[in-house]
Amino acid sequence: MRQIRTLFTILGAALIIGFGVATPVYAASSGVEQACTDAQQNGTGSPSFCTTKDPGADNPLYGSDGVINKIANFIAYIAGTVAVLMVIYGGFRYVISNGDSAKITSARQIITYSLVGLVIVVLAKVIVTFVLNQFA
């Protein structure tokens, strides 16, 4: 029971930290979009960073706002979060192993498999992005 409570505590802390990091990044990107919109409405001409547009953005299936990209982002976010949490959990188990070789081996396997999973998630996201850009 104590291990489950610890796991949920770690999960909650990771989610809070994740949202704390993601919110300023989203706010900064929406500020850039607002600056581009303001410049276009004022007739002052848009800055150079406003002129680039994803050619597949208008496609509802595989554009940058398309369904496939949203699903891939969601799956990558969830799988990446789980992999990072499992690395943390494996590290925690490693720390509390008290020198027991079986527990150390188990903790190392958790960390190793979690890192391999994290690499697979990143590579899968890169492949999906590459393929979707070929259709754009």
N, C-alpha and C. Protein backbone atom coordinates (compact mmCIF):
# COMPACT_ATOMS: atom_id res chain seq x y z
N MET A 1 0.82 -1.18 0.00
CA MET A 1 0.00 0.00 0.00
C MET A 1 0.87 1.25 0.00
N ARG A 2 1.97 1.18 0.75
CA ARG A 2 2.86 2.33 0.85
C ARG A 2 3.51 2.62 -0.50
N GLN A 3 3.85 1.56 -1.25
CA GLN A 3 4.48 1.74 -2.56
C GLN A 3 3.50 2.38 -3.54
N ILE A 4 2.26 2.01 -3.48
CA ILE A 4 1.25 2.59 -4.36
C ILE A 4 1.07 4.07 -4.05
N ARG A 5 1.03 4.41 -2.78
CA ARG A 5 0.89 5.81 -2.37
C ARG A 5 2.10 6.61 -2.84
N THR A 6 3.29 6.03 -2.72
CA THR A 6 4.51 6.71 -3.19
C THR A 6 4.48 6.90 -4.69
N LEU A 7 4.04 5.89 -5.42
CA LEU A 7 3.95 5.97 -6.87
C LEU A 7 2.99 7.08 -7.30
N PHE A 8 1.83 7.15 -6.66
CA PHE A 8 0.87 8.20 -6.99
C PHE A 8 1.40 9.59 -6.62
N THR A 9 2.16 9.68 -5.56
CA THR A 9 2.77 10.96 -5.18
C THR A 9 3.77 11.39 -6.24
N ILE A 10 4.60 10.46 -6.71
CA ILE A 10 5.56 10.78 -7.77
C ILE A 10 4.83 11.16 -9.06
N LEU A 11 3.78 10.42 -9.40
CA LEU A 11 3.00 10.72 -10.59
C LEU A 11 2.39 12.11 -10.52
N GLY A 12 1.81 12.45 -9.39
CA GLY A 12 1.21 13.77 -9.22
C GLY A 12 2.25 14.87 -9.33
N ALA A 13 3.40 14.68 -8.71
CA ALA A 13 4.45 15.69 -8.78
C ALA A 13 4.94 15.87 -10.22
N ALA A 14 5.10 14.76 -10.95
CA ALA A 14 5.55 14.85 -12.34
C ALA A 14 4.53 15.58 -13.21
N LEU A 15 3.25 15.32 -12.99
CA LEU A 15 2.22 16.01 -13.77
C LEU A 15 2.19 17.50 -13.46
N ILE A 16 2.34 17.85 -12.19
CA ILE A 16 2.36 19.26 -11.82
C ILE A 16 3.56 19.96 -12.44
N ILE A 17 4.71 19.32 -12.40
CA ILE A 17 5.90 19.90 -13.00
C ILE A 17 5.73 20.00 -14.52
N GLY A 18 5.16 18.97 -15.14
CA GLY A 18 4.95 18.99 -16.59
C GLY A 18 4.04 20.12 -17.02
N PHE A 19 2.94 20.32 -16.30
CA PHE A 19 2.04 21.41 -16.64
C PHE A 19 2.68 22.77 -16.35
N GLY A 20 3.51 22.81 -15.33
CA GLY A 20 4.21 24.06 -15.01
C GLY A 20 5.20 24.46 -16.09
N VAL A 21 5.79 23.49 -16.77
CA VAL A 21 6.72 23.78 -17.85
C VAL A 21 5.98 24.06 -19.14
N ALA A 22 4.89 23.35 -19.40
CA ALA A 22 4.18 23.49 -20.67
C ALA A 22 3.41 24.81 -20.76
N THR A 23 2.90 25.31 -19.66
CA THR A 23 2.09 26.51 -19.69
C THR A 23 2.85 27.74 -20.17
N PRO A 24 4.07 28.04 -19.67
CA PRO A 24 4.79 29.21 -20.20
C PRO A 24 5.16 29.06 -21.68
N VAL A 25 5.46 27.84 -22.12
CA VAL A 25 5.79 27.63 -23.53
C VAL A 25 4.58 27.92 -24.40
N TYR A 26 3.40 27.45 -24.00
CA TYR A 26 2.18 27.72 -24.75
C TYR A 26 1.86 29.21 -24.73
N ALA A 27 2.03 29.85 -23.58
CA ALA A 27 1.75 31.28 -23.47
C ALA A 27 2.67 32.09 -24.39
N ALA A 28 3.93 31.69 -24.47
CA ALA A 28 4.87 32.40 -25.34
C ALA A 28 4.49 32.23 -26.80
N SER A 29 4.07 31.03 -27.20
CA SER A 29 3.69 30.82 -28.60
C SER A 29 2.43 31.59 -28.94
N SER A 30 1.47 31.68 -28.01
CA SER A 30 0.26 32.44 -28.30
C SER A 30 0.56 33.93 -28.34
N GLY A 31 1.59 34.40 -27.62
CA GLY A 31 2.00 35.80 -27.68
C GLY A 31 2.58 36.13 -29.04
N VAL A 32 3.32 35.22 -29.64
CA VAL A 32 3.86 35.42 -30.98
C VAL A 32 2.73 35.49 -31.98
N GLU A 33 1.76 34.59 -31.86
CA GLU A 33 0.62 34.61 -32.77
C GLU A 33 -0.15 35.93 -32.65
N GLN A 34 -0.29 36.43 -31.43
CA GLN A 34 -0.99 37.70 -31.22
C GLN A 34 -0.22 38.85 -31.85
N ALA A 35 1.11 38.84 -31.75
CA ALA A 35 1.92 39.89 -32.36
C ALA A 35 1.78 39.87 -33.88
N CYS A 36 1.72 38.68 -34.47
CA CYS A 36 1.55 38.57 -35.92
C CYS A 36 0.18 39.11 -36.34
N THR A 37 -0.85 38.75 -35.58
CA THR A 37 -2.20 39.21 -35.89
C THR A 37 -2.29 40.73 -35.76
N ASP A 38 -1.73 41.28 -34.70
CA ASP A 38 -1.75 42.73 -34.50
C ASP A 38 -1.04 43.46 -35.63
N ALA A 39 0.11 42.93 -36.06
CA ALA A 39 0.88 43.58 -37.12
C ALA A 39 0.11 43.55 -38.44
N GLN A 40 -0.59 42.47 -38.71
CA GLN A 40 -1.36 42.37 -39.94
C GLN A 40 -2.57 43.29 -39.91
N GLN A 41 -3.21 43.43 -38.76
CA GLN A 41 -4.39 44.29 -38.65
C GLN A 41 -4.02 45.76 -38.70
N ASN A 42 -2.86 46.12 -38.18
CA ASN A 42 -2.44 47.51 -38.17
C ASN A 42 -1.92 47.96 -39.52
N GLY A 43 -1.64 47.03 -40.41
CA GLY A 43 -1.13 47.38 -41.72
C GLY A 43 0.34 47.74 -41.70
N THR A 44 1.04 47.42 -40.63
CA THR A 44 2.47 47.75 -40.53
C THR A 44 3.33 46.68 -41.17
N GLY A 45 2.72 45.67 -41.71
CA GLY A 45 3.49 44.57 -42.30
C GLY A 45 3.84 43.57 -41.23
N SER A 46 3.86 42.33 -41.60
CA SER A 46 4.14 41.32 -40.59
C SER A 46 5.63 41.04 -40.54
N PRO A 47 6.14 40.78 -39.34
CA PRO A 47 7.56 40.44 -39.19
C PRO A 47 7.89 39.15 -39.94
N SER A 48 9.17 38.90 -40.14
CA SER A 48 9.60 37.75 -40.95
C SER A 48 9.19 36.43 -40.32
N PHE A 49 9.10 36.35 -38.98
CA PHE A 49 8.73 35.08 -38.35
C PHE A 49 7.26 34.76 -38.50
N CYS A 50 6.47 35.71 -39.00
CA CYS A 50 5.04 35.47 -39.18
C CYS A 50 4.72 34.88 -40.55
N THR A 51 5.64 34.93 -41.49
CA THR A 51 5.33 34.54 -42.86
C THR A 51 5.41 33.05 -43.11
N THR A 52 6.08 32.30 -42.25
CA THR A 52 6.18 30.87 -42.49
C THR A 52 4.89 30.18 -42.08
N LYS A 53 4.42 29.31 -42.94
CA LYS A 53 3.19 28.57 -42.66
C LYS A 53 3.39 27.13 -43.09
N ASP A 54 2.88 26.23 -42.31
CA ASP A 54 2.96 24.81 -42.65
C ASP A 54 2.08 24.55 -43.87
N PRO A 55 2.65 23.99 -44.95
CA PRO A 55 1.84 23.78 -46.15
C PRO A 55 0.69 22.81 -45.95
N GLY A 56 0.80 21.90 -44.99
CA GLY A 56 -0.28 20.94 -44.76
C GLY A 56 -1.22 21.36 -43.64
N ALA A 57 -1.12 22.61 -43.20
CA ALA A 57 -1.91 23.05 -42.05
C ALA A 57 -3.40 23.03 -42.33
N ASP A 58 -3.79 23.21 -43.60
CA ASP A 58 -5.20 23.26 -43.93
C ASP A 58 -5.82 21.88 -44.06
N ASN A 59 -5.02 20.84 -44.12
CA ASN A 59 -5.53 19.49 -44.28
C ASN A 59 -6.00 18.96 -42.93
N PRO A 60 -7.26 18.60 -42.79
CA PRO A 60 -7.78 18.17 -41.48
C PRO A 60 -7.28 16.79 -41.05
N LEU A 61 -6.72 16.01 -41.98
CA LEU A 61 -6.28 14.67 -41.62
C LEU A 61 -4.82 14.61 -41.21
N TYR A 62 -3.92 15.16 -42.01
CA TYR A 62 -2.50 15.01 -41.71
C TYR A 62 -1.74 16.33 -41.66
N GLY A 63 -2.40 17.45 -41.58
CA GLY A 63 -1.73 18.74 -41.42
C GLY A 63 -1.20 18.88 -40.00
N SER A 64 -0.61 20.05 -39.72
CA SER A 64 -0.04 20.26 -38.40
C SER A 64 -1.11 20.25 -37.30
N ASP A 65 -2.34 20.60 -37.66
CA ASP A 65 -3.46 20.51 -36.72
C ASP A 65 -4.37 19.35 -37.05
N GLY A 66 -3.88 18.40 -37.84
CA GLY A 66 -4.69 17.28 -38.29
C GLY A 66 -4.89 16.23 -37.22
N VAL A 67 -5.83 15.37 -37.48
CA VAL A 67 -6.21 14.33 -36.54
C VAL A 67 -5.05 13.38 -36.25
N ILE A 68 -4.34 12.97 -37.31
CA ILE A 68 -3.25 12.01 -37.11
C ILE A 68 -2.16 12.62 -36.24
N ASN A 69 -1.83 13.87 -36.49
CA ASN A 69 -0.79 14.54 -35.69
C ASN A 69 -1.23 14.70 -34.24
N LYS A 70 -2.50 15.03 -34.03
CA LYS A 70 -2.99 15.17 -32.65
C LYS A 70 -2.96 13.84 -31.91
N ILE A 71 -3.35 12.77 -32.59
CA ILE A 71 -3.32 11.45 -31.95
C ILE A 71 -1.88 11.04 -31.64
N ALA A 72 -0.97 11.27 -32.60
CA ALA A 72 0.44 10.93 -32.39
C ALA A 72 1.03 11.73 -31.23
N ASN A 73 0.69 13.00 -31.15
CA ASN A 73 1.18 13.84 -30.05
C ASN A 73 0.65 13.35 -28.71
N PHE A 74 -0.62 12.98 -28.67
CA PHE A 74 -1.24 12.51 -27.43
C PHE A 74 -0.59 11.21 -26.96
N ILE A 75 -0.42 10.28 -27.89
CA ILE A 75 0.18 8.99 -27.54
C ILE A 75 1.63 9.19 -27.10
N ALA A 76 2.36 10.04 -27.81
CA ALA A 76 3.76 10.30 -27.45
C ALA A 76 3.85 10.96 -26.08
N TYR A 77 2.94 11.87 -25.78
CA TYR A 77 2.94 12.54 -24.48
C TYR A 77 2.66 11.54 -23.35
N ILE A 78 1.66 10.71 -23.53
CA ILE A 78 1.31 9.73 -22.49
C ILE A 78 2.44 8.71 -22.32
N ALA A 79 2.93 8.15 -23.43
CA ALA A 79 3.98 7.13 -23.34
C ALA A 79 5.27 7.72 -22.78
N GLY A 80 5.60 8.94 -23.18
CA GLY A 80 6.79 9.60 -22.64
C GLY A 80 6.67 9.86 -21.15
N THR A 81 5.49 10.29 -20.73
CA THR A 81 5.26 10.54 -19.30
C THR A 81 5.39 9.25 -18.50
N VAL A 82 4.79 8.18 -19.01
CA VAL A 82 4.87 6.89 -18.31
C VAL A 82 6.32 6.41 -18.25
N ALA A 83 7.07 6.57 -19.35
CA ALA A 83 8.46 6.13 -19.36
C ALA A 83 9.30 6.91 -18.34
N VAL A 84 9.10 8.21 -18.29
CA VAL A 84 9.85 9.02 -17.31
C VAL A 84 9.47 8.63 -15.88
N LEU A 85 8.19 8.41 -15.66
CA LEU A 85 7.76 8.00 -14.32
C LEU A 85 8.33 6.64 -13.94
N MET A 86 8.42 5.74 -14.90
CA MET A 86 9.01 4.44 -14.60
C MET A 86 10.50 4.53 -14.32
N VAL A 87 11.20 5.45 -14.98
CA VAL A 87 12.61 5.68 -14.65
C VAL A 87 12.73 6.17 -13.22
N ILE A 88 11.85 7.09 -12.84
CA ILE A 88 11.86 7.60 -11.47
C ILE A 88 11.55 6.47 -10.49
N TYR A 89 10.55 5.66 -10.82
CA TYR A 89 10.17 4.54 -9.96
C TYR A 89 11.31 3.54 -9.84
N GLY A 90 11.97 3.22 -10.96
CA GLY A 90 13.11 2.30 -10.92
C GLY A 90 14.25 2.85 -10.09
N GLY A 91 14.50 4.16 -10.21
CA GLY A 91 15.52 4.79 -9.38
C GLY A 91 15.17 4.73 -7.91
N PHE A 92 13.90 4.93 -7.61
CA PHE A 92 13.45 4.83 -6.22
C PHE A 92 13.65 3.42 -5.68
N ARG A 93 13.29 2.43 -6.49
CA ARG A 93 13.49 1.04 -6.06
C ARG A 93 14.96 0.70 -5.91
N TYR A 94 15.80 1.28 -6.75
CA TYR A 94 17.24 1.07 -6.65
C TYR A 94 17.78 1.63 -5.34
N VAL A 95 17.28 2.81 -4.98
CA VAL A 95 17.76 3.46 -3.76
C VAL A 95 17.35 2.67 -2.51
N ILE A 96 16.15 2.12 -2.51
CA ILE A 96 15.66 1.41 -1.32
C ILE A 96 15.97 -0.08 -1.34
N SER A 97 16.84 -0.53 -2.26
CA SER A 97 17.12 -1.96 -2.38
C SER A 97 17.96 -2.52 -1.22
N ASN A 98 18.64 -1.69 -0.48
CA ASN A 98 19.46 -2.11 0.67
C ASN A 98 20.51 -3.15 0.29
N GLY A 99 21.05 -3.08 -0.91
CA GLY A 99 22.12 -3.99 -1.30
C GLY A 99 21.66 -5.37 -1.72
N ASP A 100 20.37 -5.64 -1.73
CA ASP A 100 19.85 -6.93 -2.17
C ASP A 100 20.02 -7.05 -3.68
N SER A 101 20.79 -8.03 -4.12
CA SER A 101 21.13 -8.13 -5.54
C SER A 101 19.91 -8.36 -6.42
N ALA A 102 18.92 -9.08 -5.93
CA ALA A 102 17.71 -9.33 -6.72
C ALA A 102 16.93 -8.02 -6.93
N LYS A 103 16.84 -7.22 -5.87
CA LYS A 103 16.13 -5.95 -5.98
C LYS A 103 16.90 -4.96 -6.86
N ILE A 104 18.22 -4.98 -6.77
CA ILE A 104 19.04 -4.10 -7.61
C ILE A 104 18.86 -4.48 -9.08
N THR A 105 18.89 -5.77 -9.37
CA THR A 105 18.71 -6.23 -10.74
C THR A 105 17.33 -5.84 -11.27
N SER A 106 16.32 -6.00 -10.45
CA SER A 106 14.97 -5.62 -10.85
C SER A 106 14.87 -4.12 -11.13
N ALA A 107 15.47 -3.32 -10.27
CA ALA A 107 15.43 -1.87 -10.45
C ALA A 107 16.19 -1.46 -11.71
N ARG A 108 17.33 -2.08 -11.96
CA ARG A 108 18.10 -1.76 -13.17
C ARG A 108 17.32 -2.14 -14.42
N GLN A 109 16.61 -3.26 -14.37
CA GLN A 109 15.81 -3.66 -15.53
C GLN A 109 14.68 -2.66 -15.77
N ILE A 110 14.06 -2.19 -14.72
CA ILE A 110 12.99 -1.19 -14.87
C ILE A 110 13.56 0.06 -15.52
N ILE A 111 14.68 0.53 -15.05
CA ILE A 111 15.29 1.74 -15.61
C ILE A 111 15.70 1.52 -17.06
N THR A 112 16.34 0.39 -17.34
CA THR A 112 16.78 0.09 -18.71
C THR A 112 15.61 0.01 -19.67
N TYR A 113 14.58 -0.75 -19.31
CA TYR A 113 13.44 -0.90 -20.19
C TYR A 113 12.68 0.41 -20.36
N SER A 114 12.64 1.22 -19.32
CA SER A 114 11.98 2.52 -19.42
C SER A 114 12.73 3.44 -20.36
N LEU A 115 14.05 3.44 -20.27
CA LEU A 115 14.85 4.28 -21.18
C LEU A 115 14.74 3.81 -22.62
N VAL A 116 14.71 2.49 -22.82
CA VAL A 116 14.52 1.96 -24.16
C VAL A 116 13.14 2.37 -24.69
N GLY A 117 12.13 2.29 -23.85
CA GLY A 117 10.78 2.73 -24.23
C GLY A 117 10.74 4.21 -24.58
N LEU A 118 11.45 5.02 -23.81
CA LEU A 118 11.50 6.46 -24.08
C LEU A 118 12.17 6.74 -25.43
N VAL A 119 13.23 6.02 -25.73
CA VAL A 119 13.90 6.19 -27.03
C VAL A 119 12.96 5.75 -28.16
N ILE A 120 12.24 4.67 -27.96
CA ILE A 120 11.29 4.20 -28.98
C ILE A 120 10.19 5.22 -29.21
N VAL A 121 9.69 5.83 -28.14
CA VAL A 121 8.65 6.86 -28.27
C VAL A 121 9.17 8.04 -29.07
N VAL A 122 10.37 8.49 -28.77
CA VAL A 122 10.95 9.63 -29.49
C VAL A 122 11.15 9.27 -30.97
N LEU A 123 11.69 8.11 -31.24
CA LEU A 123 11.90 7.70 -32.63
C LEU A 123 10.57 7.53 -33.37
N ALA A 124 9.57 7.00 -32.71
CA ALA A 124 8.26 6.85 -33.35
C ALA A 124 7.67 8.21 -33.70
N LYS A 125 7.82 9.17 -32.81
CA LYS A 125 7.31 10.52 -33.08
C LYS A 125 8.06 11.15 -34.24
N VAL A 126 9.36 10.94 -34.31
CA VAL A 126 10.15 11.47 -35.42
C VAL A 126 9.70 10.83 -36.74
N ILE A 127 9.46 9.54 -36.73
CA ILE A 127 9.03 8.85 -37.95
C ILE A 127 7.65 9.34 -38.39
N VAL A 128 6.73 9.48 -37.44
CA VAL A 128 5.38 9.97 -37.77
C VAL A 128 5.47 11.38 -38.35
N THR A 129 6.25 12.24 -37.75
CA THR A 129 6.41 13.60 -38.24
C THR A 129 7.01 13.61 -39.65
N PHE A 130 8.03 12.78 -39.86
CA PHE A 130 8.65 12.69 -41.18
C PHE A 130 7.63 12.24 -42.24
N VAL A 131 6.88 11.21 -41.93
CA VAL A 131 5.90 10.68 -42.90
C VAL A 131 4.81 11.72 -43.17
N LEU A 132 4.33 12.38 -42.14
CA LEU A 132 3.29 13.38 -42.34
C LEU A 132 3.80 14.57 -43.15
N ASN A 133 5.07 14.93 -42.98
CA ASN A 133 5.64 16.02 -43.77
C ASN A 133 5.78 15.63 -45.24
N GLN A 134 5.89 14.35 -45.53
CA GLN A 134 5.97 13.92 -46.92
C GLN A 134 4.65 14.11 -47.65
N PHE A 135 3.53 14.08 -46.90
CA PHE A 135 2.21 14.27 -47.49
C PHE A 135 1.85 15.75 -47.61
N ALA A 136 2.55 16.59 -46.88
CA ALA A 136 2.21 18.01 -46.86
C ALA A 136 2.61 18.70 -48.14
